[in-house]
């Protein structure tokens, strides 16, 4: 995953293969030093419009895999991929936590269920 377009395409395919069934799901793709996907892990399954995310759970699979970077993604059951204020806050908090432990948060892709639309928080800001 070396570009925003590749990240969006990857997660469009991911959400098509693993739909979230009317609940928010938050996942992390762990990447090696060449930004190849090592694994995708479901971090949390939330409610219709919320999902609790803590850095401890987000970075655990990346630390186990020895990842150098991660890409975050979650779905919006409403179909509207526009990031909420909370989405932006979570991305910022995880980015700062990643800096402390040496794992880069490259992007956060939000997928609109049923629409195929996806947005990069990094491109929105």
C-alpha atoms as a PDB file:
ATOM      1  CA  UNK A   1       0.000   0.000   0.000  1.00  0.00           C
ATOM      2  CA  UNK A   2       2.027   2.896  -1.256  1.00  0.00           C
ATOM      3  CA  UNK A   3      -0.715   5.411  -2.017  1.00  0.00           C
ATOM      4  CA  UNK A   4      -4.073   6.590  -0.780  1.00  0.00           C
ATOM      5  CA  UNK A   5      -5.706   5.155  -3.895  1.00  0.00           C
ATOM      6  CA  UNK A   6      -4.225   1.716  -3.166  1.00  0.00           C
ATOM      7  CA  UNK A   7      -5.437   1.903   0.449  1.00  0.00           C
ATOM      8  CA  UNK A   8      -8.951   2.881  -0.633  1.00  0.00           C
ATOM      9  CA  UNK A   9      -9.048   0.128  -3.283  1.00  0.00           C
ATOM     10  CA  UNK A  10      -7.752  -2.438  -0.789  1.00  0.00           C
ATOM     11  CA  UNK A  11     -10.412  -1.597   1.780  1.00  0.00           C
ATOM     12  CA  UNK A  12     -13.209  -1.374  -0.807  1.00  0.00           C
ATOM     13  CA  UNK A  13     -12.381  -4.981  -1.637  1.00  0.00           C
ATOM     14  CA  UNK A  14     -12.055  -5.905   2.049  1.00  0.00           C
ATOM     15  CA  UNK A  15     -15.474  -4.482   2.979  1.00  0.00           C
ATOM     16  CA  UNK A  16     -17.055  -6.130  -0.086  1.00  0.00           C
ATOM     17  CA  UNK A  17     -15.705  -9.510   1.065  1.00  0.00           C
ATOM     18  CA  UNK A  18     -16.350  -8.978   4.781  1.00  0.00           C
ATOM     19  CA  UNK A  19     -19.444  -6.766   5.184  1.00  0.00           C
ATOM     20  CA  UNK A  20     -20.109  -5.445   8.675  1.00  0.00           C
ATOM     21  CA  UNK A  21     -23.844  -6.251   8.899  1.00  0.00           C
ATOM     22  CA  UNK A  22     -25.241  -2.895  10.072  1.00  0.00           C
ATOM     23  CA  UNK A  23     -22.642  -2.333  12.775  1.00  0.00           C
ATOM     24  CA  UNK A  24     -19.490  -0.273  12.797  1.00  0.00           C
ATOM     25  CA  UNK A  25     -16.365  -2.405  12.639  1.00  0.00           C
ATOM     26  CA  UNK A  26     -12.885  -1.050  13.115  1.00  0.00           C
ATOM     27  CA  UNK A  27     -10.018  -2.941  11.476  1.00  0.00           C
ATOM     28  CA  UNK A  28      -6.290  -2.487  11.109  1.00  0.00           C
ATOM     29  CA  UNK A  29      -4.065  -3.581   8.233  1.00  0.00           C
ATOM     30  CA  UNK A  30      -0.531  -4.309   9.437  1.00  0.00           C
ATOM     31  CA  UNK A  31       2.212  -3.495   6.928  1.00  0.00           C
ATOM     32  CA  UNK A  32       5.820  -4.573   6.618  1.00  0.00           C
ATOM     33  CA  UNK A  33       8.703  -2.220   5.800  1.00  0.00           C
ATOM     34  CA  UNK A  34       7.778  -2.266   2.083  1.00  0.00           C
ATOM     35  CA  UNK A  35       4.139  -1.499   3.015  1.00  0.00           C
ATOM     36  CA  UNK A  36       2.909  -4.937   2.013  1.00  0.00           C
ATOM     37  CA  UNK A  37      -0.106  -6.153   3.959  1.00  0.00           C
ATOM     38  CA  UNK A  38       0.866  -8.714   6.580  1.00  0.00           C
ATOM     39  CA  UNK A  39      -2.640  -9.161   8.009  1.00  0.00           C
ATOM     40  CA  UNK A  40      -5.968  -7.438   8.584  1.00  0.00           C
ATOM     41  CA  UNK A  41      -7.376  -7.712  12.086  1.00  0.00           C
ATOM     42  CA  UNK A  42     -10.829  -6.766  13.374  1.00  0.00           C
ATOM     43  CA  UNK A  43     -10.193  -4.597  16.418  1.00  0.00           C
ATOM     44  CA  UNK A  44     -13.743  -3.920  17.554  1.00  0.00           C
ATOM     45  CA  UNK A  45     -17.355  -4.346  16.535  1.00  0.00           C
ATOM     46  CA  UNK A  46     -19.565  -1.525  17.701  1.00  0.00           C
ATOM     47  CA  UNK A  47     -23.113  -0.348  17.288  1.00  0.00           C
ATOM     48  CA  UNK A  48     -24.998   1.243  14.432  1.00  0.00           C
ATOM     49  CA  UNK A  49     -23.059   4.490  14.769  1.00  0.00           C
ATOM     50  CA  UNK A  50     -20.163   4.020  17.183  1.00  0.00           C
ATOM     51  CA  UNK A  51     -17.179   1.826  17.876  1.00  0.00           C
ATOM     52  CA  UNK A  52     -14.834   2.078  20.874  1.00  0.00           C
ATOM     53  CA  UNK A  53     -11.178   2.051  19.869  1.00  0.00           C
ATOM     54  CA  UNK A  54      -8.169   1.984  22.181  1.00  0.00           C
ATOM     55  CA  UNK A  55      -4.511   2.204  21.101  1.00  0.00           C
ATOM     56  CA  UNK A  56      -3.641  -0.931  23.085  1.00  0.00           C
ATOM     57  CA  UNK A  57      -5.862  -3.127  20.883  1.00  0.00           C
ATOM     58  CA  UNK A  58      -5.021  -1.308  17.645  1.00  0.00           C
ATOM     59  CA  UNK A  59      -1.250  -1.680  17.963  1.00  0.00           C
ATOM     60  CA  UNK A  60      -1.168  -5.168  19.490  1.00  0.00           C
ATOM     61  CA  UNK A  61      -1.381  -7.062  16.147  1.00  0.00           C
ATOM     62  CA  UNK A  62       1.164  -4.695  14.585  1.00  0.00           C
ATOM     63  CA  UNK A  63       3.596  -5.315  17.428  1.00  0.00           C
ATOM     64  CA  UNK A  64       3.105  -9.075  17.205  1.00  0.00           C
ATOM     65  CA  UNK A  65       3.731  -8.994  13.434  1.00  0.00           C
ATOM     66  CA  UNK A  66       6.704  -6.655  13.737  1.00  0.00           C
ATOM     67  CA  UNK A  67       4.956  -4.161  11.456  1.00  0.00           C
ATOM     68  CA  UNK A  68       6.474  -0.829  10.526  1.00  0.00           C
ATOM     69  CA  UNK A  69       3.156   0.824   9.669  1.00  0.00           C
ATOM     70  CA  UNK A  70      -0.601   0.375   9.806  1.00  0.00           C
ATOM     71  CA  UNK A  71      -3.630   1.572   7.906  1.00  0.00           C
ATOM     72  CA  UNK A  72      -6.883   1.937   9.814  1.00  0.00           C
ATOM     73  CA  UNK A  73     -10.344   1.422   8.398  1.00  0.00           C
ATOM     74  CA  UNK A  74     -13.897   1.327   9.584  1.00  0.00           C
ATOM     75  CA  UNK A  75     -17.291   1.311   7.978  1.00  0.00           C
ATOM     76  CA  UNK A  76     -20.263   3.627   8.277  1.00  0.00           C
ATOM     77  CA  UNK A  77     -23.506   1.609   8.127  1.00  0.00           C
ATOM     78  CA  UNK A  78     -25.348   4.769   7.004  1.00  0.00           C
ATOM     79  CA  UNK A  79     -23.496   4.594   3.680  1.00  0.00           C
ATOM     80  CA  UNK A  80     -22.084   8.102   4.138  1.00  0.00           C
ATOM     81  CA  UNK A  81     -18.282   7.834   4.445  1.00  0.00           C
ATOM     82  CA  UNK A  82     -17.766  11.421   5.608  1.00  0.00           C
ATOM     83  CA  UNK A  83     -15.599  11.408   8.752  1.00  0.00           C
ATOM     84  CA  UNK A  84     -17.179  12.501  12.010  1.00  0.00           C
ATOM     85  CA  UNK A  85     -15.455  14.640  14.603  1.00  0.00           C
ATOM     86  CA  UNK A  86     -14.881  11.454  16.632  1.00  0.00           C
ATOM     87  CA  UNK A  87     -13.322   9.725  13.596  1.00  0.00           C
ATOM     88  CA  UNK A  88     -10.823  12.548  13.280  1.00  0.00           C
ATOM     89  CA  UNK A  89     -10.040  12.507  17.005  1.00  0.00           C
ATOM     90  CA  UNK A  90      -9.438   8.748  17.022  1.00  0.00           C
ATOM     91  CA  UNK A  91      -7.137   9.044  14.005  1.00  0.00           C
ATOM     92  CA  UNK A  92      -5.123  11.801  15.663  1.00  0.00           C
ATOM     93  CA  UNK A  93      -4.883   9.914  18.970  1.00  0.00           C
ATOM     94  CA  UNK A  94      -3.734   6.719  17.239  1.00  0.00           C
ATOM     95  CA  UNK A  95      -1.248   8.636  15.084  1.00  0.00           C
ATOM     96  CA  UNK A  96       0.324  10.153  18.201  1.00  0.00           C
ATOM     97  CA  UNK A  97       0.425   6.762  19.962  1.00  0.00           C
ATOM     98  CA  UNK A  98       2.064   5.223  16.894  1.00  0.00           C
ATOM     99  CA  UNK A  99       4.794   7.866  16.927  1.00  0.00           C
ATOM    100  CA  UNK A 100       5.658   6.898  20.501  1.00  0.00           C
ATOM    101  CA  UNK A 101       6.130   3.222  19.649  1.00  0.00           C
ATOM    102  CA  UNK A 102       7.584   3.624  16.155  1.00  0.00           C
ATOM    103  CA  UNK A 103       4.650   2.346  14.101  1.00  0.00           C
ATOM    104  CA  UNK A 104       3.393   4.842  11.516  1.00  0.00           C
ATOM    105  CA  UNK A 105      -0.335   5.311  11.011  1.00  0.00           C
ATOM    106  CA  UNK A 106      -0.384   5.935   7.272  1.00  0.00           C
ATOM    107  CA  UNK A 107      -4.099   6.544   6.792  1.00  0.00           C
ATOM    108  CA  UNK A 108      -7.623   5.892   8.001  1.00  0.00           C
ATOM    109  CA  UNK A 109     -10.094   4.784   5.341  1.00  0.00           C
ATOM    110  CA  UNK A 110     -13.824   5.121   5.989  1.00  0.00           C
ATOM    111  CA  UNK A 111     -16.109   2.952   3.887  1.00  0.00           C
ATOM    112  CA  UNK A 112     -19.782   3.765   3.261  1.00  0.00           C
ATOM    113  CA  UNK A 113     -21.717   0.499   3.463  1.00  0.00           C
ATOM    114  CA  UNK A 114     -23.743  -0.357   0.388  1.00  0.00           C
ATOM    115  CA  UNK A 115     -22.333   2.501  -1.678  1.00  0.00           C
ATOM    116  CA  UNK A 116     -18.774   1.488  -2.462  1.00  0.00           C
ATOM    117  CA  UNK A 117     -17.738   5.018  -1.498  1.00  0.00           C
ATOM    118  CA  UNK A 118     -14.653   5.425   0.658  1.00  0.00           C
ATOM    119  CA  UNK A 119     -12.754   8.385   2.014  1.00  0.00           C
ATOM    120  CA  UNK A 120      -9.216   8.873   3.295  1.00  0.00           C
ATOM    121  CA  UNK A 121      -9.110  10.947   6.460  1.00  0.00           C
ATOM    122  CA  UNK A 122      -5.599  12.063   5.501  1.00  0.00           C
ATOM    123  CA  UNK A 123      -6.930  13.486   2.220  1.00  0.00           C
ATOM    124  CA  UNK A 124      -9.847  15.183   3.971  1.00  0.00           C
ATOM    125  CA  UNK A 125      -7.619  17.093   6.401  1.00  0.00           C
END
